[in-house]
């Protein structure tokens, strides 16, 4: 089952691409070649999480995911791919709509953004 930290979701879509190197390049007058500095590696991610349940449970779910902002979590998507070391920096405002689902009458959706640690 898809999850963000310890919070279960019906759907988690997205990917956390591998970290890539960051370089700073500069030129100096009178020097024939540029200077470079390796600034480390960086990787960003964006996941969309969805839950179908009763309205009160969807609100509780959204609050639980919002509480994960600023923490490092493991995110598991729909295809059971686990991404470890995800620093969650932002959770969007949850969008809660009416839904005819076997799981409940509400659908909650939000977007998580962050960096790989």
PDB file of N, CA and C in Angstrom:
ATOM      1  N   UNK A   1       0.844  -1.182   0.000  1.00  0.00           N
ATOM      2  CA  UNK A   1       0.000   0.000   0.000  1.00  0.00           C
ATOM      3  C   UNK A   1       0.886   1.241   0.000  1.00  0.00           C
ATOM      4  N   UNK A   2       0.461   2.260  -0.695  1.00  0.00           N
ATOM      5  CA  UNK A   2       1.207   3.503  -0.768  1.00  0.00           C
ATOM      6  C   UNK A   2       1.180   4.203   0.594  1.00  0.00           C
ATOM      7  N   UNK A   3       2.280   4.873   0.923  1.00  0.00           N
ATOM      8  CA  UNK A   3       2.338   5.566   2.211  1.00  0.00           C
ATOM      9  C   UNK A   3       3.356   6.703   2.175  1.00  0.00           C
ATOM     10  N   UNK A   4       3.160   7.634   3.089  1.00  0.00           N
ATOM     11  CA  UNK A   4       4.098   8.726   3.308  1.00  0.00           C
ATOM     12  C   UNK A   4       4.435   8.675   4.781  1.00  0.00           C
ATOM     13  N   UNK A   5       5.665   8.286   5.092  1.00  0.00           N
ATOM     14  CA  UNK A   5       6.001   8.039   6.484  1.00  0.00           C
ATOM     15  C   UNK A   5       5.133   6.908   6.989  1.00  0.00           C
ATOM     16  N   UNK A   6       4.420   7.115   8.061  1.00  0.00           N
ATOM     17  CA  UNK A   6       3.514   6.098   8.587  1.00  0.00           C
ATOM     18  C   UNK A   6       2.061   6.345   8.211  1.00  0.00           C
ATOM     19  N   UNK A   7       1.819   7.259   7.275  1.00  0.00           N
ATOM     20  CA  UNK A   7       0.450   7.622   6.888  1.00  0.00           C
ATOM     21  C   UNK A   7       0.098   6.899   5.588  1.00  0.00           C
ATOM     22  N   UNK A   8      -0.908   6.027   5.639  1.00  0.00           N
ATOM     23  CA  UNK A   8      -1.319   5.276   4.448  1.00  0.00           C
ATOM     24  C   UNK A   8      -2.155   6.132   3.507  1.00  0.00           C
ATOM     25  N   UNK A   9      -2.013   5.841   2.211  1.00  0.00           N
ATOM     26  CA  UNK A   9      -2.751   6.547   1.164  1.00  0.00           C
ATOM     27  C   UNK A   9      -3.253   5.509   0.160  1.00  0.00           C
ATOM     28  N   UNK A  10      -4.326   5.822  -0.537  1.00  0.00           N
ATOM     29  CA  UNK A  10      -4.766   4.931  -1.605  1.00  0.00           C
ATOM     30  C   UNK A  10      -3.880   5.088  -2.833  1.00  0.00           C
ATOM     31  N   UNK A  11      -3.475   6.316  -3.124  1.00  0.00           N
ATOM     32  CA  UNK A  11      -2.649   6.581  -4.302  1.00  0.00           C
ATOM     33  C   UNK A  11      -1.533   7.547  -3.915  1.00  0.00           C
ATOM     34  N   UNK A  12      -0.305   7.233  -4.320  1.00  0.00           N
ATOM     35  CA  UNK A  12       0.818   8.173  -4.234  1.00  0.00           C
ATOM     36  C   UNK A  12       1.513   8.118  -5.589  1.00  0.00           C
ATOM     37  N   UNK A  13       1.444   9.201  -6.316  1.00  0.00           N
ATOM     38  CA  UNK A  13       2.056   9.277  -7.646  1.00  0.00           C
ATOM     39  C   UNK A  13       3.221  10.238  -7.599  1.00  0.00           C
ATOM     40  N   UNK A  14       4.261   9.894  -8.323  1.00  0.00           N
ATOM     41  CA  UNK A  14       5.419  10.767  -8.406  1.00  0.00           C
ATOM     42  C   UNK A  14       6.683   9.963  -8.375  1.00  0.00           C
ATOM     43  N   UNK A  15       7.781  10.674  -8.387  1.00  0.00           N
ATOM     44  CA  UNK A  15       9.089  10.031  -8.432  1.00  0.00           C
ATOM     45  C   UNK A  15      10.087  10.936  -7.728  1.00  0.00           C
ATOM     46  N   UNK A  16      11.129  10.337  -7.225  1.00  0.00           N
ATOM     47  CA  UNK A  16      12.233  11.080  -6.627  1.00  0.00           C
ATOM     48  C   UNK A  16      13.488  10.730  -7.424  1.00  0.00           C
ATOM     49  N   UNK A  17      13.814  11.535  -8.436  1.00  0.00           N
ATOM     50  CA  UNK A  17      14.966  11.210  -9.277  1.00  0.00           C
ATOM     51  C   UNK A  17      16.258  11.211  -8.478  1.00  0.00           C
ATOM     52  N   UNK A  18      17.244  10.527  -8.993  1.00  0.00           N
ATOM     53  CA  UNK A  18      18.542  10.432  -8.324  1.00  0.00           C
ATOM     54  C   UNK A  18      19.165  11.818  -8.166  1.00  0.00           C
ATOM     55  N   UNK A  19      19.994  11.952  -7.161  1.00  0.00           N
ATOM     56  CA  UNK A  19      20.681  13.219  -6.941  1.00  0.00           C
ATOM     57  C   UNK A  19      21.630  13.515  -8.101  1.00  0.00           C
ATOM     58  N   UNK A  20      21.782  14.780  -8.412  1.00  0.00           N
ATOM     59  CA  UNK A  20      22.713  15.205  -9.458  1.00  0.00           C
ATOM     60  C   UNK A  20      23.698  16.201  -8.872  1.00  0.00           C
ATOM     61  N   UNK A  21      24.884  16.247  -9.463  1.00  0.00           N
ATOM     62  CA  UNK A  21      25.938  17.136  -8.984  1.00  0.00           C
ATOM     63  C   UNK A  21      25.615  18.588  -9.333  1.00  0.00           C
ATOM     64  N   UNK A  22      25.962  19.490  -8.418  1.00  0.00           N
ATOM     65  CA  UNK A  22      25.847  20.928  -8.679  1.00  0.00           C
ATOM     66  C   UNK A  22      27.248  21.503  -8.774  1.00  0.00           C
ATOM     67  N   UNK A  23      27.483  22.273  -9.814  1.00  0.00           N
ATOM     68  CA  UNK A  23      28.776  22.930 -10.007  1.00  0.00           C
ATOM     69  C   UNK A  23      28.581  24.426 -10.144  1.00  0.00           C
ATOM     70  N   UNK A  24      29.507  25.168  -9.608  1.00  0.00           N
ATOM     71  CA  UNK A  24      29.547  26.610  -9.827  1.00  0.00           C
ATOM     72  C   UNK A  24      30.735  26.876 -10.737  1.00  0.00           C
ATOM     73  N   UNK A  25      30.508  27.620 -11.804  1.00  0.00           N
ATOM     74  CA  UNK A  25      31.563  27.929 -12.779  1.00  0.00           C
ATOM     75  C   UNK A  25      31.736  29.439 -12.842  1.00  0.00           C
ATOM     76  N   UNK A  26      32.967  29.907 -12.844  1.00  0.00           N
ATOM     77  CA  UNK A  26      33.219  31.345 -12.942  1.00  0.00           C
ATOM     78  C   UNK A  26      34.428  31.592 -13.828  1.00  0.00           C
ATOM     79  N   UNK A  27      34.502  32.812 -14.370  1.00  0.00           N
ATOM     80  CA  UNK A  27      35.628  33.256 -15.201  1.00  0.00           C
ATOM     81  C   UNK A  27      36.322  34.413 -14.515  1.00  0.00           C
ATOM     82  N   UNK A  28      37.663  34.465 -14.706  1.00  0.00           N
ATOM     83  CA  UNK A  28      38.435  35.583 -14.173  1.00  0.00           C
ATOM     84  C   UNK A  28      39.199  36.230 -15.318  1.00  0.00           C
ATOM     85  N   UNK A  29      39.246  37.533 -15.344  1.00  0.00           N
ATOM     86  CA  UNK A  29      40.012  38.211 -16.402  1.00  0.00           C
ATOM     87  C   UNK A  29      41.494  37.824 -16.340  1.00  0.00           C
ATOM     88  N   UNK A  30      42.068  37.565 -17.495  1.00  0.00           N
ATOM     89  CA  UNK A  30      43.488  37.232 -17.573  1.00  0.00           C
ATOM     90  C   UNK A  30      43.804  35.758 -17.342  1.00  0.00           C
ATOM     91  N   UNK A  31      42.810  34.939 -17.059  1.00  0.00           N
ATOM     92  CA  UNK A  31      43.014  33.507 -16.847  1.00  0.00           C
ATOM     93  C   UNK A  31      42.355  32.769 -18.011  1.00  0.00           C
ATOM     94  N   UNK A  32      43.079  31.817 -18.617  1.00  0.00           N
ATOM     95  CA  UNK A  32      42.612  31.152 -19.822  1.00  0.00           C
ATOM     96  C   UNK A  32      41.514  30.112 -19.609  1.00  0.00           C
ATOM     97  N   UNK A  33      41.339  29.621 -18.422  1.00  0.00           N
ATOM     98  CA  UNK A  33      40.317  28.594 -18.212  1.00  0.00           C
ATOM     99  C   UNK A  33      39.409  29.000 -17.052  1.00  0.00           C
ATOM    100  N   UNK A  34      38.186  28.491 -17.053  1.00  0.00           N
ATOM    101  CA  UNK A  34      37.254  28.858 -15.972  1.00  0.00           C
ATOM    102  C   UNK A  34      37.584  28.121 -14.676  1.00  0.00           C
ATOM    103  N   UNK A  35      37.103  28.673 -13.588  1.00  0.00           N
ATOM    104  CA  UNK A  35      37.209  28.003 -12.303  1.00  0.00           C
ATOM    105  C   UNK A  35      35.917  27.269 -12.014  1.00  0.00           C
ATOM    106  N   UNK A  36      36.012  26.186 -11.275  1.00  0.00           N
ATOM    107  CA  UNK A  36      34.813  25.436 -10.911  1.00  0.00           C
ATOM    108  C   UNK A  36      34.877  25.035  -9.447  1.00  0.00           C
ATOM    109  N   UNK A  37      33.726  24.874  -8.885  1.00  0.00           N
ATOM    110  CA  UNK A  37      33.626  24.415  -7.503  1.00  0.00           C
ATOM    111  C   UNK A  37      32.460  23.441  -7.411  1.00  0.00           C
ATOM    112  N   UNK A  38      32.711  22.276  -6.850  1.00  0.00           N
ATOM    113  CA  UNK A  38      31.667  21.273  -6.663  1.00  0.00           C
ATOM    114  C   UNK A  38      30.896  21.617  -5.395  1.00  0.00           C
ATOM    115  N   UNK A  39      29.582  21.827  -5.521  1.00  0.00           N
ATOM    116  CA  UNK A  39      28.755  22.254  -4.395  1.00  0.00           C
ATOM    117  C   UNK A  39      27.956  21.133  -3.759  1.00  0.00           C
ATOM    118  N   UNK A  40      28.240  19.905  -4.153  1.00  0.00           N
ATOM    119  CA  UNK A  40      27.502  18.776  -3.591  1.00  0.00           C
ATOM    120  C   UNK A  40      26.436  18.290  -4.540  1.00  0.00           C
ATOM    121  N   UNK A  41      25.602  17.400  -4.055  1.00  0.00           N
ATOM    122  CA  UNK A  41      24.555  16.824  -4.885  1.00  0.00           C
ATOM    123  C   UNK A  41      23.194  17.247  -4.354  1.00  0.00           C
ATOM    124  N   UNK A  42      22.260  17.384  -5.280  1.00  0.00           N
ATOM    125  CA  UNK A  42      20.915  17.800  -4.898  1.00  0.00           C
ATOM    126  C   UNK A  42      19.893  16.975  -5.681  1.00  0.00           C
ATOM    127  N   UNK A  43      18.775  16.712  -5.062  1.00  0.00           N
ATOM    128  CA  UNK A  43      17.670  16.020  -5.727  1.00  0.00           C
ATOM    129  C   UNK A  43      16.360  16.513  -5.140  1.00  0.00           C
ATOM    130  N   UNK A  44      15.414  16.845  -5.994  1.00  0.00           N
ATOM    131  CA  UNK A  44      14.112  17.333  -5.542  1.00  0.00           C
ATOM    132  C   UNK A  44      13.030  16.344  -5.946  1.00  0.00           C
ATOM    133  N   UNK A  45      11.909  16.360  -5.230  1.00  0.00           N
ATOM    134  CA  UNK A  45      10.813  15.455  -5.571  1.00  0.00           C
ATOM    135  C   UNK A  45       9.483  16.166  -5.436  1.00  0.00           C
ATOM    136  N   UNK A  46       8.469  15.576  -6.084  1.00  0.00           N
ATOM    137  CA  UNK A  46       7.089  16.016  -5.947  1.00  0.00           C
ATOM    138  C   UNK A  46       6.202  14.783  -6.035  1.00  0.00           C
ATOM    139  N   UNK A  47       5.378  14.580  -5.030  1.00  0.00           N
ATOM    140  CA  UNK A  47       4.448  13.458  -4.995  1.00  0.00           C
ATOM    141  C   UNK A  47       3.031  13.989  -4.805  1.00  0.00           C
ATOM    142  N   UNK A  48       2.073  13.342  -5.442  1.00  0.00           N
ATOM    143  CA  UNK A  48       0.648  13.649  -5.280  1.00  0.00           C
ATOM    144  C   UNK A  48       0.037  12.485  -4.506  1.00  0.00           C
ATOM    145  N   UNK A  49      -0.583  12.787  -3.364  1.00  0.00           N
ATOM    146  CA  UNK A  49      -1.181  11.763  -2.506  1.00  0.00           C
ATOM    147  C   UNK A  49      -2.696  11.910  -2.514  1.00  0.00           C
ATOM    148  N   UNK A  50      -3.397  10.766  -2.568  1.00  0.00           N
ATOM    149  CA  UNK A  50      -4.861  10.754  -2.627  1.00  0.00           C
ATOM    150  C   UNK A  50      -5.394   9.706  -1.646  1.00  0.00           C
ATOM    151  N   UNK A  51      -6.478  10.060  -0.968  1.00  0.00           N
ATOM    152  CA  UNK A  51      -7.150   9.129  -0.065  1.00  0.00           C
ATOM    153  C   UNK A  51      -8.654   9.235  -0.276  1.00  0.00           C
ATOM    154  N   UNK A  52      -9.331   8.092  -0.335  1.00  0.00           N
ATOM    155  CA  UNK A  52     -10.793   8.004  -0.388  1.00  0.00           C
ATOM    156  C   UNK A  52     -11.278   7.481   0.956  1.00  0.00           C
ATOM    157  N   UNK A  53     -12.125   8.240   1.625  1.00  0.00           N
ATOM    158  CA  UNK A  53     -12.613   7.805   2.933  1.00  0.00           C
ATOM    159  C   UNK A  53     -13.749   8.735   3.358  1.00  0.00           C
ATOM    160  N   UNK A  54     -14.220   8.573   4.573  1.00  0.00           N
ATOM    161  CA  UNK A  54     -15.227   9.480   5.122  1.00  0.00           C
ATOM    162  C   UNK A  54     -14.601  10.860   5.292  1.00  0.00           C
ATOM    163  N   UNK A  55     -15.429  11.893   5.248  1.00  0.00           N
ATOM    164  CA  UNK A  55     -14.931  13.269   5.293  1.00  0.00           C
ATOM    165  C   UNK A  55     -14.035  13.523   6.506  1.00  0.00           C
ATOM    166  N   UNK A  56     -14.469  13.112   7.682  1.00  0.00           N
ATOM    167  CA  UNK A  56     -13.678  13.341   8.896  1.00  0.00           C
ATOM    168  C   UNK A  56     -12.330  12.630   8.827  1.00  0.00           C
ATOM    169  N   UNK A  57     -12.313  11.425   8.260  1.00  0.00           N
ATOM    170  CA  UNK A  57     -11.057  10.679   8.142  1.00  0.00           C
ATOM    171  C   UNK A  57     -10.116  11.320   7.126  1.00  0.00           C
ATOM    172  N   UNK A  58     -10.667  11.873   6.056  1.00  0.00           N
ATOM    173  CA  UNK A  58      -9.836  12.563   5.063  1.00  0.00           C
ATOM    174  C   UNK A  58      -9.215  13.814   5.678  1.00  0.00           C
ATOM    175  N   UNK A  59      -9.972  14.547   6.494  1.00  0.00           N
ATOM    176  CA  UNK A  59      -9.416  15.731   7.172  1.00  0.00           C
ATOM    177  C   UNK A  59      -8.294  15.329   8.122  1.00  0.00           C
ATOM    178  N   UNK A  60      -8.498  14.265   8.878  1.00  0.00           N
ATOM    179  CA  UNK A  60      -7.470  13.781   9.801  1.00  0.00           C
ATOM    180  C   UNK A  60      -6.227  13.356   9.038  1.00  0.00           C
ATOM    181  N   UNK A  61      -6.414  12.662   7.913  1.00  0.00           N
ATOM    182  CA  UNK A  61      -5.313  12.232   7.048  1.00  0.00           C
ATOM    183  C   UNK A  61      -4.511  13.430   6.556  1.00  0.00           C
ATOM    184  N   UNK A  62      -5.202  14.467   6.085  1.00  0.00           N
ATOM    185  CA  UNK A  62      -4.525  15.660   5.579  1.00  0.00           C
ATOM    186  C   UNK A  62      -3.723  16.354   6.679  1.00  0.00           C
ATOM    187  N   UNK A  63      -4.272  16.423   7.881  1.00  0.00           N
ATOM    188  CA  UNK A  63      -3.547  17.026   9.006  1.00  0.00           C
ATOM    189  C   UNK A  63      -2.315  16.202   9.373  1.00  0.00           C
ATOM    190  N   UNK A  64      -2.440  14.873   9.319  1.00  0.00           N
ATOM    191  CA  UNK A  64      -1.311  13.995   9.642  1.00  0.00           C
ATOM    192  C   UNK A  64      -0.175  14.183   8.632  1.00  0.00           C
ATOM    193  N   UNK A  65      -0.511  14.302   7.352  1.00  0.00           N
ATOM    194  CA  UNK A  65       0.532  14.527   6.342  1.00  0.00           C
ATOM    195  C   UNK A  65       1.114  15.921   6.493  1.00  0.00           C
ATOM    196  N   UNK A  66       0.294  16.910   6.777  1.00  0.00           N
ATOM    197  CA  UNK A  66       0.797  18.266   7.004  1.00  0.00           C
ATOM    198  C   UNK A  66       1.770  18.341   8.162  1.00  0.00           C
ATOM    199  N   UNK A  67       1.572  17.496   9.164  1.00  0.00           N
ATOM    200  CA  UNK A  67       2.469  17.468  10.326  1.00  0.00           C
ATOM    201  C   UNK A  67       3.842  16.893   9.978  1.00  0.00           C
ATOM    202  N   UNK A  68       3.967  16.245   8.812  1.00  0.00           N
ATOM    203  CA  UNK A  68       5.253  15.672   8.410  1.00  0.00           C
ATOM    204  C   UNK A  68       6.193  16.693   7.773  1.00  0.00           C
ATOM    205  N   UNK A  69       5.717  17.907   7.507  1.00  0.00           N
ATOM    206  CA  UNK A  69       6.575  18.943   6.913  1.00  0.00           C
ATOM    207  C   UNK A  69       7.730  19.225   7.869  1.00  0.00           C
ATOM    208  N   UNK A  70       8.937  19.230   7.324  1.00  0.00           N
ATOM    209  CA  UNK A  70      10.138  19.459   8.125  1.00  0.00           C
ATOM    210  C   UNK A  70      10.767  18.184   8.653  1.00  0.00           C
ATOM    211  N   UNK A  71      10.218  17.040   8.306  1.00  0.00           N
ATOM    212  CA  UNK A  71      10.775  15.769   8.766  1.00  0.00           C
ATOM    213  C   UNK A  71      11.300  14.955   7.584  1.00  0.00           C
ATOM    214  N   UNK A  72      12.138  13.998   7.876  1.00  0.00           N
ATOM    215  CA  UNK A  72      12.691  13.102   6.862  1.00  0.00           C
ATOM    216  C   UNK A  72      11.908  11.798   6.922  1.00  0.00           C
ATOM    217  N   UNK A  73      11.317  11.407   5.792  1.00  0.00           N
ATOM    218  CA  UNK A  73      10.427  10.257   5.745  1.00  0.00           C
ATOM    219  C   UNK A  73      10.788   9.330   4.597  1.00  0.00           C
ATOM    220  N   UNK A  74      10.228   8.130   4.638  1.00  0.00           N
ATOM    221  CA  UNK A  74      10.260   7.205   3.508  1.00  0.00           C
ATOM    222  C   UNK A  74       8.904   7.287   2.825  1.00  0.00           C
ATOM    223  N   UNK A  75       8.929   7.469   1.501  1.00  0.00           N
ATOM    224  CA  UNK A  75       7.700   7.560   0.719  1.00  0.00           C
ATOM    225  C   UNK A  75       7.628   6.342  -0.189  1.00  0.00           C
ATOM    226  N   UNK A  76       6.504   5.630  -0.144  1.00  0.00           N
ATOM    227  CA  UNK A  76       6.276   4.462  -0.989  1.00  0.00           C
ATOM    228  C   UNK A  76       5.156   4.798  -1.966  1.00  0.00           C
ATOM    229  N   UNK A  77       5.436   4.670  -3.272  1.00  0.00           N
ATOM    230  CA  UNK A  77       4.428   5.037  -4.274  1.00  0.00           C
ATOM    231  C   UNK A  77       3.549   3.845  -4.630  1.00  0.00           C
ATOM    232  N   UNK A  78       2.686   4.029  -5.639  1.00  0.00           N
ATOM    233  CA  UNK A  78       1.736   2.987  -6.053  1.00  0.00           C
ATOM    234  C   UNK A  78       2.402   1.703  -6.506  1.00  0.00           C
ATOM    235  N   UNK A  79       3.611   1.800  -7.018  1.00  0.00           N
ATOM    236  CA  UNK A  79       4.305   0.638  -7.569  1.00  0.00           C
ATOM    237  C   UNK A  79       5.239   0.007  -6.546  1.00  0.00           C
ATOM    238  N   UNK A  80       5.014   0.300  -5.287  1.00  0.00           N
ATOM    239  CA  UNK A  80       5.787  -0.245  -4.159  1.00  0.00           C
ATOM    240  C   UNK A  80       7.263   0.132  -4.231  1.00  0.00           C
ATOM    241  N   UNK A  81       7.582   1.241  -4.858  1.00  0.00           N
ATOM    242  CA  UNK A  81       8.946   1.766  -4.854  1.00  0.00           C
ATOM    243  C   UNK A  81       9.102   2.639  -3.621  1.00  0.00           C
ATOM    244  N   UNK A  82      10.076   2.318  -2.803  1.00  0.00           N
ATOM    245  CA  UNK A  82      10.322   3.106  -1.604  1.00  0.00           C
ATOM    246  C   UNK A  82      11.439   4.107  -1.825  1.00  0.00           C
ATOM    247  N   UNK A  83      11.219   5.343  -1.408  1.00  0.00           N
ATOM    248  CA  UNK A  83      12.216   6.399  -1.511  1.00  0.00           C
ATOM    249  C   UNK A  83      12.560   6.844  -0.101  1.00  0.00           C
ATOM    250  N   UNK A  84      13.782   6.575   0.328  1.00  0.00           N
ATOM    251  CA  UNK A  84      14.203   6.921   1.680  1.00  0.00           C
ATOM    252  C   UNK A  84      14.915   8.268   1.674  1.00  0.00           C
ATOM    253  N   UNK A  85      14.988   8.880   2.825  1.00  0.00           N
ATOM    254  CA  UNK A  85      15.700  10.148   2.959  1.00  0.00           C
ATOM    255  C   UNK A  85      15.007  11.308   2.276  1.00  0.00           C
ATOM    256  N   UNK A  86      13.684  11.358   2.333  1.00  0.00           N
ATOM    257  CA  UNK A  86      12.918  12.442   1.708  1.00  0.00           C
ATOM    258  C   UNK A  86      12.612  13.506   2.762  1.00  0.00           C
ATOM    259  N   UNK A  87      13.232  14.677   2.637  1.00  0.00           N
ATOM    260  CA  UNK A  87      12.942  15.800   3.517  1.00  0.00           C
ATOM    261  C   UNK A  87      11.732  16.525   2.944  1.00  0.00           C
ATOM    262  N   UNK A  88      10.622  16.475   3.632  1.00  0.00           N
ATOM    263  CA  UNK A  88       9.393  17.097   3.161  1.00  0.00           C
ATOM    264  C   UNK A  88       9.429  18.575   3.537  1.00  0.00           C
ATOM    265  N   UNK A  89       9.440  19.442   2.534  1.00  0.00           N
ATOM    266  CA  UNK A  89       9.534  20.880   2.771  1.00  0.00           C
ATOM    267  C   UNK A  89       8.215  21.607   2.576  1.00  0.00           C
ATOM    268  N   UNK A  90       7.256  20.975   1.883  1.00  0.00           N
ATOM    269  CA  UNK A  90       5.988  21.648   1.621  1.00  0.00           C
ATOM    270  C   UNK A  90       4.879  20.629   1.395  1.00  0.00           C
ATOM    271  N   UNK A  91       3.723  20.907   1.961  1.00  0.00           N
ATOM    272  CA  UNK A  91       2.503  20.135   1.695  1.00  0.00           C
ATOM    273  C   UNK A  91       1.443  21.136   1.283  1.00  0.00           C
ATOM    274  N   UNK A  92       0.849  20.924   0.127  1.00  0.00           N
ATOM    275  CA  UNK A  92      -0.158  21.870  -0.366  1.00  0.00           C
ATOM    276  C   UNK A  92      -1.416  21.823   0.501  1.00  0.00           C
ATOM    277  N   UNK A  93      -2.253  22.813   0.328  1.00  0.00           N
ATOM    278  CA  UNK A  93      -3.553  22.812   0.986  1.00  0.00           C
ATOM    279  C   UNK A  93      -4.363  21.640   0.445  1.00  0.00           C
ATOM    280  N   UNK A  94      -4.938  20.812   1.298  1.00  0.00           N
ATOM    281  CA  UNK A  94      -5.675  19.651   0.794  1.00  0.00           C
ATOM    282  C   UNK A  94      -6.930  20.063   0.024  1.00  0.00           C
ATOM    283  N   UNK A  95      -7.175  19.354  -1.044  1.00  0.00           N
ATOM    284  CA  UNK A  95      -8.387  19.559  -1.830  1.00  0.00           C
ATOM    285  C   UNK A  95      -9.310  18.378  -1.515  1.00  0.00           C
ATOM    286  N   UNK A  96     -10.428  18.649  -0.870  1.00  0.00           N
ATOM    287  CA  UNK A  96     -11.361  17.595  -0.470  1.00  0.00           C
ATOM    288  C   UNK A  96     -12.649  17.762  -1.279  1.00  0.00           C
ATOM    289  N   UNK A  97     -13.017  16.714  -1.990  1.00  0.00           N
ATOM    290  CA  UNK A  97     -14.212  16.748  -2.833  1.00  0.00           C
ATOM    291  C   UNK A  97     -15.089  15.541  -2.529  1.00  0.00           C
ATOM    292  N   UNK A  98     -16.330  15.610  -2.984  1.00  0.00           N
ATOM    293  CA  UNK A  98     -17.262  14.506  -2.829  1.00  0.00           C
ATOM    294  C   UNK A  98     -16.894  13.395  -3.817  1.00  0.00           C
ATOM    295  N   UNK A  99     -17.038  12.154  -3.399  1.00  0.00           N
ATOM    296  CA  UNK A  99     -16.663  11.031  -4.244  1.00  0.00           C
ATOM    297  C   UNK A  99     -17.600   9.855  -4.013  1.00  0.00           C
ATOM    298  N   UNK A 100     -17.949   9.171  -5.080  1.00  0.00           N
ATOM    299  CA  UNK A 100     -18.700   7.919  -4.964  1.00  0.00           C
ATOM    300  C   UNK A 100     -17.695   6.782  -5.038  1.00  0.00           C
ATOM    301  N   UNK A 101     -17.218   6.366  -3.904  1.00  0.00           N
ATOM    302  CA  UNK A 101     -16.187   5.337  -3.832  1.00  0.00           C
ATOM    303  C   UNK A 101     -16.604   4.276  -2.829  1.00  0.00           C
ATOM    304  N   UNK A 102     -16.099   3.085  -3.009  1.00  0.00           N
ATOM    305  CA  UNK A 102     -16.408   2.022  -2.051  1.00  0.00           C
ATOM    306  C   UNK A 102     -15.717   2.264  -0.712  1.00  0.00           C
ATOM    307  N   UNK A 103     -14.730   3.191  -0.674  1.00  0.00           N
ATOM    308  CA  UNK A 103     -13.993   3.459   0.556  1.00  0.00           C
ATOM    309  C   UNK A 103     -14.621   4.561   1.402  1.00  0.00           C
ATOM    310  N   UNK A 104     -15.455   5.414   0.814  1.00  0.00           N
ATOM    311  CA  UNK A 104     -16.067   6.502   1.557  1.00  0.00           C
ATOM    312  C   UNK A 104     -16.611   7.549   0.602  1.00  0.00           C
ATOM    313  N   UNK A 105     -17.193   8.600   1.175  1.00  0.00           N
ATOM    314  CA  UNK A 105     -17.838   9.595   0.331  1.00  0.00           C
ATOM    315  C   UNK A 105     -16.996  10.837   0.059  1.00  0.00           C
ATOM    316  N   UNK A 106     -15.717  10.832   0.436  1.00  0.00           N
ATOM    317  CA  UNK A 106     -14.848  11.987   0.207  1.00  0.00           C
ATOM    318  C   UNK A 106     -13.531  11.555  -0.407  1.00  0.00           C
ATOM    319  N   UNK A 107     -12.967  12.474  -1.185  1.00  0.00           N
ATOM    320  CA  UNK A 107     -11.658  12.257  -1.812  1.00  0.00           C
ATOM    321  C   UNK A 107     -10.760  13.408  -1.406  1.00  0.00           C
ATOM    322  N   UNK A 108      -9.633  13.084  -0.783  1.00  0.00           N
ATOM    323  CA  UNK A 108      -8.658  14.100  -0.401  1.00  0.00           C
ATOM    324  C   UNK A 108      -7.421  13.986  -1.269  1.00  0.00           C
ATOM    325  N   UNK A 109      -6.898  15.119  -1.677  1.00  0.00           N
ATOM    326  CA  UNK A 109      -5.701  15.141  -2.526  1.00  0.00           C
ATOM    327  C   UNK A 109      -4.807  16.285  -2.090  1.00  0.00           C
ATOM    328  N   UNK A 110      -3.508  16.020  -2.042  1.00  0.00           N
ATOM    329  CA  UNK A 110      -2.535  17.070  -1.787  1.00  0.00           C
ATOM    330  C   UNK A 110      -1.216  16.733  -2.452  1.00  0.00           C
ATOM    331  N   UNK A 111      -0.365  17.740  -2.572  1.00  0.00           N
ATOM    332  CA  UNK A 111       0.929  17.594  -3.239  1.00  0.00           C
ATOM    333  C   UNK A 111       2.025  17.844  -2.214  1.00  0.00           C
ATOM    334  N   UNK A 112       3.011  16.946  -2.195  1.00  0.00           N
ATOM    335  CA  UNK A 112       4.181  17.090  -1.323  1.00  0.00           C
ATOM    336  C   UNK A 112       5.398  17.419  -2.165  1.00  0.00           C
ATOM    337  N   UNK A 113       6.207  18.358  -1.685  1.00  0.00           N
ATOM    338  CA  UNK A 113       7.461  18.698  -2.355  1.00  0.00           C
ATOM    339  C   UNK A 113       8.575  18.643  -1.331  1.00  0.00           C
ATOM    340  N   UNK A 114       9.789  18.378  -1.827  1.00  0.00           N
ATOM    341  CA  UNK A 114      10.907  18.354  -0.904  1.00  0.00           C
ATOM    342  C   UNK A 114      12.212  18.031  -1.578  1.00  0.00           C
ATOM    343  N   UNK A 115      13.202  17.704  -0.760  1.00  0.00           N
ATOM    344  CA  UNK A 115      14.559  17.401  -1.220  1.00  0.00           C
ATOM    345  C   UNK A 115      14.994  16.037  -0.712  1.00  0.00           C
ATOM    346  N   UNK A 116      15.853  15.409  -1.480  1.00  0.00           N
ATOM    347  CA  UNK A 116      16.448  14.145  -1.044  1.00  0.00           C
ATOM    348  C   UNK A 116      17.654  14.438  -0.161  1.00  0.00           C
ATOM    349  N   UNK A 117      17.767  13.713   0.926  1.00  0.00           N
ATOM    350  CA  UNK A 117      18.875  13.896   1.860  1.00  0.00           C
ATOM    351  C   UNK A 117      19.925  12.825   1.593  1.00  0.00           C
TER     352      UNK A 117
END
